[in-house]
Amino acid sequence: MSAPSSRRSFALPADFPVALDQGTSLWSGGRVAAGGAPWKVVRLAEAARPHLAALRRAGGRGLADPSPVGRALARQLLDHGLARPVPAPRPGPHDVTVVIPAFGRADELERCLAAIAGVPAIVVDDGSPDPGPLRRAAAAHGARLVRHARNRGPAAARNTGLRLVETPFAAFVDSDCRPRDGWLDILIPHFDDPRVAAVAPRVLPRPGDLRLLARYEAVRSALDMGGRPALVRPGGRLGFVPTATLLVRVAALAGDPFDEEMRLGEDVDFVWRLGDRGWNVRYEPAAQVTHTPRLHPVGWARRRHEYGTSAADLARRHPGRLAPARPSLWNLAVLGLLARGHPVPAVACGGLAAALLARRLARLPAGPELAVTIVAKGVVADAAGLGHALRREWWPVGLLALAGCGRRTRSGGLARAAAAAMVTPIALEWLRERPAVDPARYLVLRLAEDVAYGSGVAVAAVRARSAAPLRPDVRLPEALSSLRRNGWTRARLGRGAR
């Protein structure tokens, strides 16, 4: 994959609108901003404040500020994940070629090709045992067909198709996916930002099935990244997007961009390497795609398990990014005291952490309430992160905690605290999503999904003889470098603009 040529090439068009991200908060009259991907605190230059105020007034509809300072500020806000683009949809035709990796399932390919009618398509038959049905489906829809003599995996199929693309943009679409009308009209305008290399739509399961797993998948599909737009970046709110459907800028990809040694997780690796080379990847849920989910219980669990087995390969290629939890030592102390039934010392510990953080943030024009907010959010986030790990990578410990909740002992108190960290996020999720599944069965399916994935991680770790996918990354309170890892950066947005 190639890297952007220079910072000058990143300049935004004068008519490119942006809006402050939903997760961005402003402090001290707009002189300090918190949020982004990954989360950080930044100081805003005085010259940028009027332009930021205009962005706040514009709200979700966004604003295209053509002034040099406004464009420079928008560029920096977008790159930090503090703002999101809001370009208007643009009617086609668009200079796009669709690449479809396929292995059997000609009926799915038929539906996929019908959904993208009018867009040039390349179908890569990845060694299907019976090539005839795929060949006939491609011919019926005017798609070009190429064939691998043997099955080489989705990464190789995408690379093969990409080599044949002659348009500026390529869309990778799995054969079981069906883009909805207008998908390209929504995604293409994002590439007016010259730093964007890829944009992913929202992938939703096919509606209409009333079986239990189908109702669960409607709100918990592994391919559905949710309803909020995002900058996709490790450590951010959205750390990756699947390539089940992904629109890419061909000029950003050199050679064979997908790692053909990976049968699973190749999409995560692809997206992370794009970011490592200076490109931005965005998620745009306004564009939607439907896919056919696996609804047989065994197949559903096996697929989650298979996803987990990619962890060791990803951990080897991207050291440090696959840690199941990244708690702060301060937050662990607070949570440990609370779990032991000592709320007063826990509050004192949190207060001390906030006081030390306030000293380190003294250069910023923000009061101590910012430090208190950061510490409080950090404690809640780390509790949720530990609960997540106890449900997935550390699921044997998590299940023991759930089993030991009823004990009236000190260990029972720890078990109840661990169980609360595991179950509370699921309860809040159920209340937020209101799925057509009762709370008890939703909880069971959610735990089963996480255990299936976590068991895959454990199997991969054993095979690779590496504990990296299972080992937490505990952040130690070591002066400024540690604080920066917790989310503070000295960057002053809006500087350098003329």
Protein backbone atom coordinates (compact mmCIF):
# COMPACT_ATOMS: atom_id res chain seq x y z
CA MET A 1 0.00 0.00 0.00
CA SER A 2 1.24 3.45 -0.84
CA ALA A 3 1.44 6.42 1.52
CA PRO A 4 0.06 9.91 0.89
CA SER A 5 2.64 11.96 -0.96
CA SER A 6 2.70 15.06 1.23
CA ARG A 7 0.78 17.03 3.81
CA ARG A 8 -0.05 19.66 1.20
CA SER A 9 -2.05 17.06 -0.70
CA PHE A 10 -4.36 16.74 2.31
CA ALA A 11 -5.86 20.24 1.92
CA LEU A 12 -9.64 20.08 2.01
CA PRO A 13 -11.75 21.59 -0.78
CA ALA A 14 -13.27 24.93 0.21
CA ASP A 15 -16.80 23.51 -0.06
CA PHE A 16 -16.17 20.36 2.01
CA PRO A 17 -18.48 20.47 5.09
CA VAL A 18 -17.60 19.01 8.48
CA ALA A 19 -19.45 18.78 11.81
CA LEU A 20 -18.17 18.27 15.32
CA ASP A 21 -18.28 14.61 16.29
CA GLN A 22 -20.95 13.52 18.73
CA GLY A 23 -18.27 12.45 21.22
CA THR A 24 -16.37 15.76 21.20
CA SER A 25 -16.73 17.97 24.26
CA LEU A 26 -15.45 21.55 24.57
CA TRP A 27 -14.08 23.19 27.69
CA SER A 28 -13.05 26.68 28.82
CA GLY A 29 -15.07 28.50 26.21
CA GLY A 30 -13.82 26.39 23.33
CA ARG A 31 -10.13 26.64 24.18
CA VAL A 32 -9.84 22.92 24.99
CA ALA A 33 -11.45 19.95 23.25
CA ALA A 34 -11.73 16.34 24.41
CA GLY A 35 -12.63 13.32 22.31
CA GLY A 36 -11.33 11.86 19.09
CA ALA A 37 -9.85 8.58 17.93
CA PRO A 38 -8.06 7.58 20.05
CA TRP A 39 -9.46 9.74 22.86
CA LYS A 40 -7.36 12.80 23.71
CA VAL A 41 -7.39 16.31 25.12
CA VAL A 42 -6.18 19.09 22.83
CA ARG A 43 -5.67 22.81 23.16
CA LEU A 44 -7.09 25.02 20.45
CA ALA A 45 -5.21 28.07 19.19
CA GLU A 46 -6.91 31.43 19.69
CA ALA A 47 -7.18 31.92 15.92
CA ALA A 48 -9.30 28.79 15.68
CA ARG A 49 -11.90 29.68 18.33
CA PRO A 50 -14.26 31.75 16.13
CA HIS A 51 -14.27 28.99 13.52
CA LEU A 52 -14.93 26.37 16.18
CA ALA A 53 -17.81 28.47 17.51
CA ALA A 54 -19.28 28.54 14.00
CA LEU A 55 -19.00 24.75 13.83
CA ARG A 56 -20.84 24.44 17.14
CA ARG A 57 -23.67 26.64 15.87
CA ALA A 58 -23.95 24.61 12.66
CA GLY A 59 -24.63 21.42 14.63
CA GLY A 60 -25.10 18.14 12.82
CA ARG A 61 -25.66 19.68 9.39
CA GLY A 62 -22.04 20.80 9.36
CA LEU A 63 -20.25 23.76 7.89
CA ALA A 64 -17.88 24.34 4.97
CA ASP A 65 -15.55 27.14 6.09
CA PRO A 66 -13.58 28.31 3.01
CA SER A 67 -11.12 30.50 4.96
CA PRO A 68 -7.52 29.25 5.31
CA VAL A 69 -7.87 28.98 9.09
CA GLY A 70 -11.23 27.24 8.81
CA ARG A 71 -9.94 24.68 6.33
CA ALA A 72 -6.78 24.04 8.37
CA LEU A 73 -8.86 23.59 11.53
CA ALA A 74 -11.26 21.23 9.73
CA ARG A 75 -8.30 19.20 8.48
CA GLN A 76 -6.90 18.80 11.99
CA LEU A 77 -10.26 18.06 13.59
CA LEU A 78 -10.97 15.37 11.01
CA ASP A 79 -7.54 13.76 11.45
CA HIS A 80 -7.93 13.66 15.24
CA GLY A 81 -11.46 12.24 15.02
CA LEU A 82 -12.92 15.32 16.71
CA ALA A 83 -15.03 16.13 13.65
CA ARG A 84 -16.72 14.11 10.92
CA PRO A 85 -17.35 14.89 7.25
CA VAL A 86 -20.92 15.55 6.12
CA PRO A 87 -20.68 15.71 2.32
CA ALA A 88 -23.95 15.73 0.41
CA PRO A 89 -24.82 12.62 -1.64
CA ARG A 90 -23.81 12.88 -5.29
CA PRO A 91 -25.80 11.13 -8.03
CA GLY A 92 -23.89 8.79 -10.34
CA PRO A 93 -22.72 7.29 -12.53
CA HIS A 94 -19.51 6.82 -10.57
CA ASP A 95 -16.11 5.64 -11.74
CA VAL A 96 -16.16 2.46 -9.66
CA THR A 97 -15.51 -1.22 -10.31
CA VAL A 98 -16.95 -3.81 -7.95
CA VAL A 99 -14.76 -6.78 -6.98
CA ILE A 100 -16.68 -9.82 -5.71
CA PRO A 101 -14.81 -12.79 -4.20
CA ALA A 102 -16.99 -15.89 -4.52
CA PHE A 103 -16.85 -19.53 -3.50
CA GLY A 104 -19.94 -21.45 -4.55
CA ARG A 105 -23.33 -20.03 -3.49
CA ALA A 106 -24.32 -18.95 -6.98
CA ASP A 107 -27.75 -17.88 -5.73
CA GLU A 108 -26.12 -15.34 -3.41
CA LEU A 109 -23.96 -14.08 -6.25
CA GLU A 110 -27.07 -13.65 -8.41
CA ARG A 111 -28.66 -11.40 -5.77
CA CYS A 112 -25.44 -9.46 -5.26
CA LEU A 113 -25.01 -8.76 -8.97
CA ALA A 114 -28.65 -7.74 -9.28
CA ALA A 115 -28.17 -5.24 -6.41
CA ILE A 116 -25.19 -3.54 -8.10
CA ALA A 117 -26.76 -3.48 -11.57
CA GLY A 118 -25.18 -0.81 -13.76
CA VAL A 119 -21.79 -0.88 -12.03
CA PRO A 120 -18.93 -2.80 -13.72
CA ALA A 121 -18.12 -5.96 -11.75
CA ILE A 122 -15.30 -8.49 -11.57
CA VAL A 123 -16.20 -11.84 -10.00
CA VAL A 124 -13.29 -13.89 -8.67
CA ASP A 125 -14.23 -17.56 -8.39
CA ASP A 126 -11.93 -18.73 -5.61
CA GLY A 127 -11.65 -22.35 -6.69
CA SER A 128 -15.31 -23.39 -6.40
CA PRO A 129 -15.74 -27.18 -6.85
CA ASP A 130 -18.40 -26.58 -9.50
CA PRO A 131 -17.58 -23.40 -11.45
CA GLY A 132 -20.55 -23.63 -13.80
CA PRO A 133 -23.23 -21.87 -11.70
CA LEU A 134 -20.93 -18.94 -10.88
CA ARG A 135 -19.93 -18.62 -14.54
CA ARG A 136 -23.56 -18.52 -15.63
CA ALA A 137 -24.51 -15.97 -12.96
CA ALA A 138 -21.66 -13.66 -13.97
CA ALA A 139 -22.51 -13.97 -17.66
CA ALA A 140 -26.19 -13.23 -17.03
CA HIS A 141 -25.29 -9.90 -15.43
CA GLY A 142 -22.44 -8.92 -17.74
CA ALA A 143 -19.76 -9.31 -15.08
CA ARG A 144 -16.19 -10.34 -15.84
CA LEU A 145 -15.23 -13.68 -14.31
CA VAL A 146 -11.75 -14.87 -13.35
CA ARG A 147 -11.03 -18.14 -11.58
CA HIS A 148 -8.43 -19.46 -9.16
CA ALA A 149 -7.44 -23.05 -9.88
CA ARG A 150 -7.59 -23.74 -6.13
CA ASN A 151 -9.13 -22.04 -3.14
CA ARG A 152 -6.71 -19.37 -1.88
CA GLY A 153 -8.92 -17.36 0.49
CA PRO A 154 -10.69 -13.98 0.34
CA ALA A 155 -7.46 -11.95 0.59
CA ALA A 156 -6.05 -13.53 -2.57
CA ALA A 157 -9.40 -13.21 -4.36
CA ARG A 158 -9.59 -9.50 -3.62
CA ASN A 159 -5.99 -8.98 -4.73
CA THR A 160 -6.68 -10.81 -8.00
CA GLY A 161 -9.74 -8.70 -8.71
CA LEU A 162 -8.00 -5.46 -7.76
CA ARG A 163 -5.21 -6.05 -10.31
CA LEU A 164 -7.85 -5.93 -13.05
CA VAL A 165 -9.50 -2.69 -11.89
CA GLU A 166 -8.93 0.29 -14.20
CA THR A 167 -11.17 2.83 -12.45
CA PRO A 168 -10.05 5.27 -9.69
CA PHE A 169 -12.24 3.49 -7.13
CA ALA A 170 -12.91 -0.14 -6.33
CA ALA A 171 -15.63 -1.59 -4.14
CA PHE A 172 -15.02 -4.93 -2.46
CA VAL A 173 -18.40 -6.61 -2.02
CA ASP A 174 -18.79 -10.15 -0.66
CA SER A 175 -21.10 -12.36 -2.66
CA ASP A 176 -23.61 -12.62 0.21
CA CYS A 177 -23.97 -8.82 0.41
CA ARG A 178 -26.49 -6.64 -1.42
CA PRO A 179 -25.88 -2.87 -1.44
CA ARG A 180 -29.00 -0.77 -1.21
CA ASP A 181 -29.93 1.88 -3.73
CA GLY A 182 -27.81 5.02 -3.55
CA TRP A 183 -24.91 3.44 -1.65
CA LEU A 184 -22.26 4.85 -3.97
CA ASP A 185 -23.97 8.26 -4.05
CA ILE A 186 -23.37 8.47 -0.29
CA LEU A 187 -19.87 6.96 -0.12
CA ILE A 188 -18.13 8.57 -3.12
CA PRO A 189 -18.30 12.20 -1.84
CA HIS A 190 -16.15 11.21 1.16
CA PHE A 191 -13.22 10.88 -1.24
CA ASP A 192 -13.31 14.63 -1.87
CA ASP A 193 -11.13 14.56 1.24
CA PRO A 194 -7.77 13.61 -0.33
CA ARG A 195 -6.64 11.82 2.82
CA VAL A 196 -9.47 9.27 2.74
CA ALA A 197 -8.40 5.88 1.37
CA ALA A 198 -11.48 3.81 2.23
CA VAL A 199 -15.08 4.23 3.36
CA ALA A 200 -17.26 1.45 4.75
CA PRO A 201 -21.07 1.37 4.72
CA ARG A 202 -23.24 -0.14 7.40
CA VAL A 203 -23.76 -3.89 6.86
CA LEU A 204 -27.07 -5.15 8.22
CA PRO A 205 -28.50 -8.69 8.28
CA ARG A 206 -31.30 -9.50 5.89
CA PRO A 207 -34.62 -8.56 7.54
CA GLY A 208 -37.79 -10.61 7.76
CA ASP A 209 -36.63 -13.78 9.53
CA LEU A 210 -38.43 -14.29 12.87
CA ARG A 211 -36.21 -17.02 14.33
CA LEU A 212 -34.47 -16.28 17.63
CA LEU A 213 -30.96 -15.95 16.19
CA ALA A 214 -32.25 -13.73 13.39
CA ARG A 215 -33.85 -11.38 15.91
CA TYR A 216 -30.63 -11.35 17.91
CA GLU A 217 -28.52 -10.75 14.79
CA ALA A 218 -30.71 -7.77 13.91
CA VAL A 219 -28.99 -5.84 16.72
CA ARG A 220 -25.77 -7.84 17.26
CA SER A 221 -24.46 -8.75 13.81
CA ALA A 222 -20.66 -9.07 13.79
CA LEU A 223 -20.60 -7.04 10.57
CA ASP A 224 -22.77 -4.17 11.84
CA MET A 225 -20.59 -1.36 13.21
CA GLY A 226 -23.54 0.68 14.50
CA GLY A 227 -25.38 3.84 13.60
CA ARG A 228 -22.69 6.50 14.30
CA PRO A 229 -20.21 7.71 11.68
CA ALA A 230 -16.61 7.36 12.77
CA LEU A 231 -12.94 7.69 11.95
CA VAL A 232 -11.68 4.11 11.97
CA ARG A 233 -8.47 3.78 13.94
CA PRO A 234 -6.92 1.40 16.51
CA GLY A 235 -7.68 2.70 19.98
CA GLY A 236 -10.67 4.70 18.75
CA ARG A 237 -14.36 4.07 19.32
CA LEU A 238 -14.35 2.05 16.08
CA GLY A 239 -11.10 0.15 15.74
CA PHE A 240 -11.79 -1.56 12.39
CA VAL A 241 -14.41 -2.15 9.70
CA PRO A 242 -15.04 -5.40 7.81
CA THR A 243 -14.35 -5.63 4.10
CA ALA A 244 -17.67 -7.39 3.49
CA THR A 245 -18.37 -4.15 1.61
CA LEU A 246 -15.69 -1.47 1.40
CA LEU A 247 -15.08 1.31 -1.12
CA VAL A 248 -11.39 2.17 -1.66
CA ARG A 249 -9.24 4.67 -3.51
CA VAL A 250 -7.15 2.54 -5.88
CA ALA A 251 -4.25 5.03 -5.83
CA ALA A 252 -3.84 4.37 -2.10
CA LEU A 253 -3.19 0.68 -2.75
CA ALA A 254 0.04 -0.57 -4.28
CA GLY A 255 0.86 -4.16 -5.12
CA ASP A 256 -1.26 -6.76 -3.33
CA PRO A 257 -2.71 -4.89 -0.34
CA PHE A 258 -4.31 -7.91 1.36
CA ASP A 259 -2.08 -10.35 3.22
CA GLU A 260 -2.74 -13.66 1.48
CA GLU A 261 -1.29 -15.67 4.36
CA MET A 262 -4.32 -14.66 6.45
CA ARG A 263 -7.59 -16.52 5.94
CA LEU A 264 -9.30 -14.55 8.70
CA GLY A 265 -8.61 -11.07 10.05
CA GLU A 266 -7.18 -9.94 6.72
CA ASP A 267 -9.68 -7.09 6.66
CA VAL A 268 -8.54 -5.79 10.08
CA ASP A 269 -4.91 -6.02 9.00
CA PHE A 270 -5.71 -4.18 5.75
CA VAL A 271 -7.48 -1.30 7.49
CA TRP A 272 -4.79 -0.93 10.16
CA ARG A 273 -1.99 -0.83 7.61
CA LEU A 274 -3.81 1.88 5.68
CA GLY A 275 -3.88 3.99 8.84
CA ASP A 276 -0.22 3.24 9.57
CA ARG A 277 0.65 4.68 6.18
CA GLY A 278 -1.07 7.97 6.89
CA TRP A 279 -4.44 7.37 5.24
CA ASN A 280 -7.83 7.84 6.88
CA VAL A 281 -10.54 5.18 6.83
CA ARG A 282 -14.09 6.27 7.53
CA TYR A 283 -17.35 4.56 8.46
CA GLU A 284 -20.54 5.96 6.96
CA PRO A 285 -23.70 4.21 8.21
CA ALA A 286 -26.01 6.29 5.99
CA ALA A 287 -24.99 3.94 3.16
CA GLN A 288 -26.38 0.49 3.87
CA VAL A 289 -25.84 -3.06 2.70
CA THR A 290 -27.76 -6.21 3.62
CA HIS A 291 -26.11 -9.60 4.00
CA THR A 292 -27.22 -13.16 4.64
CA PRO A 293 -26.35 -14.14 8.23
CA ARG A 294 -25.55 -17.62 9.47
CA LEU A 295 -28.52 -18.62 11.61
CA HIS A 296 -27.87 -22.26 12.42
CA PRO A 297 -26.72 -22.25 16.05
CA VAL A 298 -23.67 -24.44 15.43
CA GLY A 299 -22.61 -22.51 12.34
CA TRP A 300 -23.22 -19.20 14.12
CA ALA A 301 -21.03 -20.18 17.08
CA ARG A 302 -18.37 -21.71 14.85
CA ARG A 303 -18.09 -18.49 12.87
CA ARG A 304 -17.59 -16.43 16.04
CA HIS A 305 -14.94 -18.92 17.12
CA GLU A 306 -13.21 -18.58 13.73
CA TYR A 307 -13.15 -14.80 14.07
CA GLY A 308 -11.32 -15.21 17.37
CA THR A 309 -8.65 -17.43 15.83
CA SER A 310 -7.33 -14.45 13.85
CA ALA A 311 -6.09 -12.79 17.05
CA ALA A 312 -2.64 -14.42 17.14
CA ASP A 313 -1.82 -13.50 13.54
CA LEU A 314 -2.97 -9.94 14.13
CA ALA A 315 -1.03 -9.68 17.39
CA ARG A 316 2.14 -10.80 15.63
CA ARG A 317 1.69 -8.27 12.82
CA HIS A 318 0.48 -5.43 15.05
CA PRO A 319 2.17 -5.76 18.46
CA GLY A 320 0.23 -4.26 21.35
CA ARG A 321 -3.02 -3.66 19.50
CA LEU A 322 -4.79 -6.86 20.51
CA ALA A 323 -4.56 -6.52 24.30
CA PRO A 324 -7.95 -7.60 25.69
CA ALA A 325 -7.94 -4.73 28.24
CA ARG A 326 -5.86 -1.59 28.83
CA PRO A 327 -6.69 -0.49 32.37
CA SER A 328 -4.90 2.28 34.21
CA LEU A 329 -3.20 1.25 37.45
CA TRP A 330 -5.04 4.10 39.19
CA ASN A 331 -8.37 2.86 37.90
CA LEU A 332 -7.55 -0.70 38.92
CA ALA A 333 -6.89 0.54 42.45
CA VAL A 334 -10.23 2.38 42.53
CA LEU A 335 -12.13 -0.61 41.16
CA GLY A 336 -10.35 -3.00 43.52
CA LEU A 337 -11.28 -0.92 46.55
CA LEU A 338 -14.90 -0.71 45.41
CA ALA A 339 -14.99 -4.47 44.82
CA ARG A 340 -13.68 -5.02 48.36
CA GLY A 341 -16.42 -2.82 49.78
CA HIS A 342 -14.28 0.24 50.60
CA PRO A 343 -15.99 3.17 48.84
CA VAL A 344 -14.35 5.96 50.87
CA PRO A 345 -10.75 4.88 50.11
CA ALA A 346 -11.84 4.33 46.49
CA VAL A 347 -13.10 7.92 46.24
CA ALA A 348 -9.90 9.14 47.91
CA CYS A 349 -7.79 7.20 45.42
CA GLY A 350 -9.77 8.62 42.51
CA GLY A 351 -9.46 12.11 43.98
CA LEU A 352 -5.69 11.76 44.26
CA ALA A 353 -5.49 10.59 40.65
CA ALA A 354 -7.58 13.59 39.57
CA ALA A 355 -5.39 15.98 41.55
CA LEU A 356 -2.20 14.63 39.99
CA LEU A 357 -3.79 14.78 36.55
CA ALA A 358 -4.91 18.37 37.16
CA ARG A 359 -1.30 19.33 37.88
CA ARG A 360 -0.19 17.81 34.60
CA LEU A 361 -2.99 19.58 32.76
CA ALA A 362 -2.11 22.92 34.39
CA ARG A 363 -0.80 24.31 31.10
CA LEU A 364 -4.23 23.93 29.58
CA PRO A 365 -6.79 26.67 30.19
CA ALA A 366 -9.17 24.29 31.92
CA GLY A 367 -10.18 23.94 35.54
CA PRO A 368 -9.92 20.85 37.78
CA GLU A 369 -13.36 19.68 36.62
CA LEU A 370 -11.73 18.45 33.40
CA ALA A 371 -9.34 16.21 35.36
CA VAL A 372 -12.22 14.90 37.51
CA THR A 373 -14.25 14.13 34.39
CA ILE A 374 -11.34 12.31 32.75
CA VAL A 375 -10.70 10.17 35.82
CA ALA A 376 -14.40 9.35 36.29
CA LYS A 377 -14.83 8.39 32.64
CA GLY A 378 -11.64 6.36 32.79
CA VAL A 379 -12.86 4.33 35.78
CA VAL A 380 -16.16 3.55 34.06
CA ALA A 381 -14.42 2.73 30.75
CA ASP A 382 -11.89 0.44 32.43
CA ALA A 383 -14.62 -1.36 34.36
CA ALA A 384 -16.46 -1.98 31.09
CA GLY A 385 -13.22 -3.05 29.40
CA LEU A 386 -12.42 -5.56 32.12
CA GLY A 387 -15.97 -6.91 31.96
CA HIS A 388 -15.62 -7.27 28.20
CA ALA A 389 -12.37 -9.24 28.61
CA LEU A 390 -13.97 -11.44 31.28
CA ARG A 391 -16.73 -12.32 28.83
CA ARG A 392 -14.38 -13.00 25.93
CA GLU A 393 -10.63 -13.62 26.21
CA TRP A 394 -10.81 -14.43 29.94
CA TRP A 395 -14.16 -16.20 29.78
CA PRO A 396 -13.22 -19.14 32.09
CA VAL A 397 -12.53 -16.64 34.88
CA GLY A 398 -15.69 -14.74 33.97
CA LEU A 399 -17.88 -17.83 34.15
CA LEU A 400 -16.38 -18.69 37.55
CA ALA A 401 -17.23 -15.16 38.72
CA LEU A 402 -20.83 -15.56 37.56
CA ALA A 403 -21.04 -18.92 39.36
CA GLY A 404 -19.62 -17.46 42.58
CA CYS A 405 -21.90 -14.43 42.88
CA GLY A 406 -24.01 -15.98 45.61
CA ARG A 407 -21.22 -16.64 48.08
CA ARG A 408 -21.26 -14.50 51.23
CA THR A 409 -17.49 -14.31 51.43
CA ARG A 410 -14.81 -11.87 50.43
CA SER A 411 -14.27 -13.82 47.21
CA GLY A 412 -18.02 -13.61 46.64
CA GLY A 413 -17.78 -9.83 46.74
CA LEU A 414 -15.09 -9.86 44.08
CA ALA A 415 -17.18 -12.27 42.03
CA ARG A 416 -20.20 -9.97 42.25
CA ALA A 417 -18.09 -6.99 41.18
CA ALA A 418 -16.71 -8.94 38.21
CA ALA A 419 -20.20 -10.15 37.29
CA ALA A 420 -21.53 -6.59 37.44
CA ALA A 421 -18.76 -5.44 35.09
CA MET A 422 -19.69 -8.27 32.72
CA VAL A 423 -23.47 -8.00 32.78
CA THR A 424 -24.18 -4.26 33.23
CA PRO A 425 -23.00 -3.28 29.71
CA ILE A 426 -25.21 -6.01 28.24
CA ALA A 427 -28.23 -4.77 30.21
CA LEU A 428 -27.61 -1.20 29.06
CA GLU A 429 -27.21 -2.46 25.51
CA TRP A 430 -30.55 -4.25 25.71
CA LEU A 431 -32.26 -1.13 27.04
CA ARG A 432 -30.71 0.99 24.30
CA GLU A 433 -31.42 -1.35 21.38
CA ARG A 434 -34.72 -2.85 22.57
CA PRO A 435 -34.25 -6.04 20.53
CA ALA A 436 -37.11 -8.42 19.82
CA VAL A 437 -35.51 -10.85 22.27
CA ASP A 438 -36.35 -11.06 25.97
CA PRO A 439 -33.56 -9.95 28.37
CA ALA A 440 -32.75 -13.44 29.68
CA ARG A 441 -32.24 -15.04 26.28
CA TYR A 442 -30.42 -11.94 25.04
CA LEU A 443 -27.97 -12.27 27.94
CA VAL A 444 -27.42 -15.97 27.25
CA LEU A 445 -26.82 -15.40 23.53
CA ARG A 446 -24.52 -12.47 24.24
CA LEU A 447 -22.44 -14.56 26.64
CA ALA A 448 -22.40 -17.49 24.20
CA GLU A 449 -21.19 -15.21 21.42
CA ASP A 450 -18.38 -13.82 23.56
CA VAL A 451 -17.32 -17.25 24.82
CA ALA A 452 -17.21 -18.59 21.25
CA TYR A 453 -15.00 -15.71 20.16
CA GLY A 454 -12.82 -15.89 23.26
CA SER A 455 -12.27 -19.61 22.85
CA GLY A 456 -11.02 -18.90 19.34
CA VAL A 457 -8.54 -16.39 20.75
CA ALA A 458 -7.33 -18.94 23.30
CA VAL A 459 -6.90 -21.66 20.66
CA ALA A 460 -4.94 -19.25 18.44
CA ALA A 461 -2.72 -18.21 21.36
CA VAL A 462 -1.91 -21.84 22.18
CA ARG A 463 -1.13 -22.66 18.56
CA ALA A 464 1.11 -19.60 18.23
CA ARG A 465 2.67 -20.21 21.66
CA SER A 466 2.06 -16.57 22.46
CA ALA A 467 0.15 -14.98 25.32
CA ALA A 468 -0.04 -11.62 23.52
CA PRO A 469 -3.76 -11.91 22.60
CA LEU A 470 -4.61 -12.74 26.23
CA ARG A 471 -2.29 -10.40 28.12
CA PRO A 472 -3.64 -7.06 29.41
CA ASP A 473 -1.74 -3.82 28.89
CA VAL A 474 -1.75 -2.15 32.31
CA ARG A 475 -0.91 1.53 32.04
CA LEU A 476 1.47 2.68 34.74
CA PRO A 477 1.43 6.23 36.18
CA GLU A 478 4.77 7.26 34.68
CA ALA A 479 4.87 11.00 34.18
CA LEU A 480 3.99 12.62 30.88
CA SER A 481 4.57 9.67 28.58
CA SER A 482 1.98 7.61 30.47
CA LEU A 483 -0.42 10.52 30.58
CA ARG A 484 -0.18 10.88 26.84
CA ARG A 485 -1.10 7.21 26.48
CA ASN A 486 -4.14 7.94 28.65
CA GLY A 487 -5.30 10.47 26.12
CA TRP A 488 -3.60 13.87 26.64
CA THR A 489 -1.72 15.40 23.76
CA ARG A 490 -0.08 18.80 23.64
CA ALA A 491 -1.30 19.41 20.11
CA ARG A 492 -2.67 22.90 19.55
CA LEU A 493 -5.23 22.66 16.81
CA GLY A 494 -5.51 25.62 14.51
CA ARG A 495 -1.84 26.57 14.67
CA GLY A 496 0.12 27.16 11.50
CA ALA A 497 -2.85 28.34 9.43
CA ARG A 498 -2.38 31.47 7.36
